[in-house]
């Protein structure tokens, strides 16, 4: 359930006055994609809709939605096998693996071994053309290596995240199990739509719940 009172859904109105989101706003709210933390870095201030009375920062659903559209277009330009998707965080591991299953990208879940992107002498070495980061804090090693080698970085970022070296920010709750599942489900669908793998209005054969990590 959403923490937002009726009539206060955290979505800014577009100039046209028509709200067309990638999924119904109820899906975003029930997954808690908009729920931030009690901390907000200066980098994430532009994505905040409001601050609750208890000090919790709430993200703007429209801005989350817009960035998912942009990220889908951006990632669709790359060869799938050259996209690295990273999640040290437990709740991000299954969503990342599911996305890579559908898109054909390379998952890096669990502990990220130093040198993976920078040391060609390692057996695990991989040279991606773009890297998707689930959390700039827990995935810092991958982020640093991608930045060091000049690889473009797309990153999910909550209100408490720093986003140094990130080329494309996707604001959102990157700690919640349901939130991560929905974000990666939407991103997967958008990439496949943009690449023409599925029609523009087609759905994935699985639901966002199928992307959720087990409790």
Protein backbone atom coordinates (compact mmCIF):
# COMPACT_ATOMS: atom_id res chain seq x y z
CA UNK A 1 0.00 0.00 0.00
CA UNK A 2 1.11 3.56 -0.65
CA UNK A 3 1.90 5.96 2.18
CA UNK A 4 0.47 8.85 0.16
CA UNK A 5 -2.96 10.16 1.24
CA UNK A 6 -5.72 10.13 -1.33
CA UNK A 7 -5.40 13.10 -3.68
CA UNK A 8 -1.68 13.53 -3.00
CA UNK A 9 -0.19 11.06 -5.45
CA UNK A 10 3.44 12.11 -6.01
CA UNK A 11 3.29 12.80 -9.73
CA UNK A 12 3.87 16.19 -11.32
CA UNK A 13 1.62 17.18 -14.21
CA UNK A 14 3.16 17.41 -17.70
CA UNK A 15 2.66 20.58 -19.69
CA UNK A 16 -0.09 18.95 -21.74
CA UNK A 17 -1.99 18.12 -18.57
CA UNK A 18 -2.26 14.50 -19.71
CA UNK A 19 -0.55 11.87 -17.58
CA UNK A 20 0.58 8.82 -19.58
CA UNK A 21 2.82 6.61 -17.52
CA UNK A 22 4.54 3.40 -18.53
CA UNK A 23 2.44 1.57 -15.92
CA UNK A 24 -0.59 2.80 -13.95
CA UNK A 25 0.43 5.04 -11.06
CA UNK A 26 -1.13 2.52 -8.68
CA UNK A 27 1.58 0.04 -9.66
CA UNK A 28 4.31 2.52 -8.87
CA UNK A 29 2.74 3.39 -5.54
CA UNK A 30 1.99 -0.18 -4.42
CA UNK A 31 5.60 -1.16 -5.18
CA UNK A 32 6.89 1.83 -3.21
CA UNK A 33 9.05 3.03 -6.09
CA UNK A 34 8.51 6.63 -4.95
CA UNK A 35 9.51 6.09 -1.32
CA UNK A 36 12.84 7.73 -0.55
CA UNK A 37 14.77 7.99 2.70
CA UNK A 38 15.12 10.56 5.49
CA UNK A 39 18.26 11.85 3.76
CA UNK A 40 18.46 13.71 0.45
CA UNK A 41 21.72 14.54 -1.28
CA UNK A 42 21.95 17.69 -3.38
CA UNK A 43 22.24 15.50 -6.47
CA UNK A 44 18.80 13.99 -5.90
CA UNK A 45 16.90 17.15 -4.92
CA UNK A 46 15.57 17.72 -8.49
CA UNK A 47 13.76 14.38 -8.35
CA UNK A 48 11.95 14.98 -5.04
CA UNK A 49 8.21 15.67 -5.13
CA UNK A 50 7.82 16.59 -1.48
CA UNK A 51 8.95 15.88 2.07
CA UNK A 52 6.50 14.17 4.39
CA UNK A 53 5.80 15.48 7.87
CA UNK A 54 7.97 12.69 9.30
CA UNK A 55 10.92 13.86 7.20
CA UNK A 56 10.74 11.11 4.59
CA UNK A 57 11.56 12.30 1.07
CA UNK A 58 9.09 11.30 -1.64
CA UNK A 59 10.22 11.00 -5.25
CA UNK A 60 8.27 12.34 -8.22
CA UNK A 61 6.73 9.40 -10.08
CA UNK A 62 6.65 11.27 -13.38
CA UNK A 63 10.39 11.89 -13.21
CA UNK A 64 11.00 8.23 -12.41
CA UNK A 65 8.82 7.28 -15.37
CA UNK A 66 10.55 9.76 -17.70
CA UNK A 67 14.01 8.46 -16.79
CA UNK A 68 12.94 4.87 -17.37
CA UNK A 69 11.83 5.86 -20.87
CA UNK A 70 15.12 7.61 -21.53
CA UNK A 71 17.14 4.70 -20.14
CA UNK A 72 15.22 2.24 -22.29
CA UNK A 73 16.03 4.23 -25.44
CA UNK A 74 19.65 4.70 -24.38
CA UNK A 75 20.36 1.06 -23.54
CA UNK A 76 18.58 -0.20 -26.65
CA UNK A 77 21.35 1.39 -28.73
CA UNK A 78 23.93 -1.04 -27.35
CA UNK A 79 24.60 -4.65 -28.25
CA UNK A 80 22.93 -6.63 -25.42
CA UNK A 81 25.98 -8.78 -24.76
CA UNK A 82 28.03 -5.62 -24.10
CA UNK A 83 25.70 -4.34 -21.35
CA UNK A 84 26.80 -5.15 -17.78
CA UNK A 85 24.14 -5.00 -15.05
CA UNK A 86 25.36 -4.97 -11.45
CA UNK A 87 23.73 -5.64 -8.07
CA UNK A 88 25.55 -6.47 -4.88
CA UNK A 89 22.33 -5.78 -2.97
CA UNK A 90 20.34 -8.98 -2.38
CA UNK A 91 16.96 -7.68 -3.50
CA UNK A 92 18.46 -6.54 -6.79
CA UNK A 93 19.99 -9.85 -7.78
CA UNK A 94 16.92 -11.63 -9.16
CA UNK A 95 15.60 -8.54 -11.02
CA UNK A 96 19.03 -8.10 -12.64
CA UNK A 97 19.20 -11.76 -13.64
CA UNK A 98 15.67 -11.60 -15.06
CA UNK A 99 16.49 -8.49 -17.10
CA UNK A 100 19.61 -10.13 -18.48
CA UNK A 101 17.66 -13.29 -19.29
CA UNK A 102 15.26 -11.29 -21.48
CA UNK A 103 17.63 -8.71 -22.93
CA UNK A 104 20.74 -10.84 -23.28
CA UNK A 105 22.99 -8.64 -21.15
CA UNK A 106 25.64 -9.76 -18.65
CA UNK A 107 24.63 -9.94 -14.95
CA UNK A 108 27.06 -9.29 -12.13
CA UNK A 109 25.29 -10.15 -8.88
CA UNK A 110 26.61 -10.73 -5.40
CA UNK A 111 30.18 -9.72 -4.59
CA UNK A 112 31.80 -7.71 -7.37
CA UNK A 113 35.41 -8.81 -7.69
CA UNK A 114 37.95 -5.98 -8.05
CA UNK A 115 39.47 -5.81 -11.51
CA UNK A 116 36.42 -7.23 -13.29
CA UNK A 117 36.27 -4.23 -15.64
CA UNK A 118 39.91 -3.12 -15.40
CA UNK A 119 42.28 -6.11 -15.29
CA UNK A 120 42.48 -8.06 -18.59
CA UNK A 121 44.68 -10.69 -16.97
CA UNK A 122 41.81 -11.93 -14.79
CA UNK A 123 39.63 -14.82 -15.98
CA UNK A 124 36.56 -12.86 -14.88
CA UNK A 125 37.56 -9.78 -16.91
CA UNK A 126 34.73 -8.25 -18.92
CA UNK A 127 34.82 -5.14 -21.10
CA UNK A 128 31.30 -3.70 -21.30
CA UNK A 129 30.18 -0.81 -23.47
CA UNK A 130 27.77 0.42 -20.80
CA UNK A 131 27.14 -0.44 -17.14
CA UNK A 132 23.85 -0.41 -15.21
CA UNK A 133 24.30 0.03 -11.45
CA UNK A 134 21.59 -0.85 -8.92
CA UNK A 135 22.97 1.22 -6.03
CA UNK A 136 25.86 3.67 -6.24
CA UNK A 137 26.82 2.88 -2.64
CA UNK A 138 26.74 -0.93 -2.55
CA UNK A 139 27.94 -1.18 -6.17
CA UNK A 140 30.73 1.37 -5.67
CA UNK A 141 33.50 -0.95 -6.88
CA UNK A 142 31.81 -1.51 -10.24
CA UNK A 143 30.98 2.18 -10.51
CA UNK A 144 34.60 3.20 -9.87
CA UNK A 145 35.96 0.73 -12.41
CA UNK A 146 33.48 1.82 -15.06
CA UNK A 147 34.32 5.48 -14.41
CA UNK A 148 38.05 4.74 -14.49
CA UNK A 149 37.79 3.17 -17.94
CA UNK A 150 35.35 5.74 -19.34
CA UNK A 151 32.39 3.37 -19.63
CA UNK A 152 28.97 5.12 -19.61
CA UNK A 153 27.07 4.50 -16.38
CA UNK A 154 23.31 4.23 -15.85
CA UNK A 155 22.40 4.06 -12.16
CA UNK A 156 19.33 3.64 -10.00
CA UNK A 157 19.52 6.21 -7.24
CA UNK A 158 17.49 6.79 -4.08
CA UNK A 159 17.33 10.14 -2.30
CA UNK A 160 20.38 9.33 -0.16
CA UNK A 161 22.65 8.35 -3.06
CA UNK A 162 25.58 10.30 -4.45
CA UNK A 163 25.75 10.10 -8.22
CA UNK A 164 29.32 11.09 -9.04
CA UNK A 165 30.39 9.70 -12.45
CA UNK A 166 26.84 8.62 -13.30
CA UNK A 167 25.80 9.57 -16.84
CA UNK A 168 22.10 8.75 -16.52
CA UNK A 169 20.23 8.70 -13.21
CA UNK A 170 17.07 6.66 -12.74
CA UNK A 171 15.56 7.94 -9.48
CA UNK A 172 13.70 5.39 -7.41
CA UNK A 173 13.62 3.23 -4.31
CA UNK A 174 16.60 0.95 -4.94
CA UNK A 175 16.34 -0.85 -1.60
CA UNK A 176 12.84 -2.34 -1.69
CA UNK A 177 12.17 -5.82 -3.05
CA UNK A 178 8.98 -4.89 -4.92
CA UNK A 179 10.38 -1.57 -6.10
CA UNK A 180 13.50 -3.10 -7.65
CA UNK A 181 11.40 -5.79 -9.32
CA UNK A 182 9.08 -3.23 -10.93
CA UNK A 183 11.89 -0.89 -12.01
CA UNK A 184 13.83 -3.67 -13.71
CA UNK A 185 10.66 -5.15 -15.22
CA UNK A 186 9.75 -1.80 -16.79
CA UNK A 187 13.32 -1.22 -17.97
CA UNK A 188 13.46 -4.68 -19.53
CA UNK A 189 10.16 -4.14 -21.34
CA UNK A 190 11.25 -0.70 -22.58
CA UNK A 191 14.55 -1.98 -23.98
CA UNK A 192 12.80 -4.80 -25.84
CA UNK A 193 10.17 -2.41 -27.19
CA UNK A 194 12.81 0.08 -28.34
CA UNK A 195 14.82 -2.65 -30.05
CA UNK A 196 11.71 -3.96 -31.80
CA UNK A 197 12.01 -7.36 -30.13
CA UNK A 198 8.42 -6.93 -28.94
CA UNK A 199 5.76 -4.55 -30.36
CA UNK A 200 5.47 -1.02 -28.86
CA UNK A 201 2.49 -1.93 -26.69
CA UNK A 202 3.40 -5.54 -25.97
CA UNK A 203 3.97 -6.93 -22.48
CA UNK A 204 6.53 -9.34 -21.12
CA UNK A 205 5.35 -12.93 -20.62
CA UNK A 206 6.03 -12.51 -16.89
CA UNK A 207 4.71 -10.00 -14.38
CA UNK A 208 6.74 -7.69 -12.11
CA UNK A 209 6.11 -10.14 -9.25
CA UNK A 210 8.11 -12.72 -11.18
CA UNK A 211 11.12 -10.37 -10.95
CA UNK A 212 10.88 -10.16 -7.15
CA UNK A 213 13.61 -11.65 -5.01
CA UNK A 214 12.52 -14.36 -2.60
CA UNK A 215 12.09 -13.43 1.04
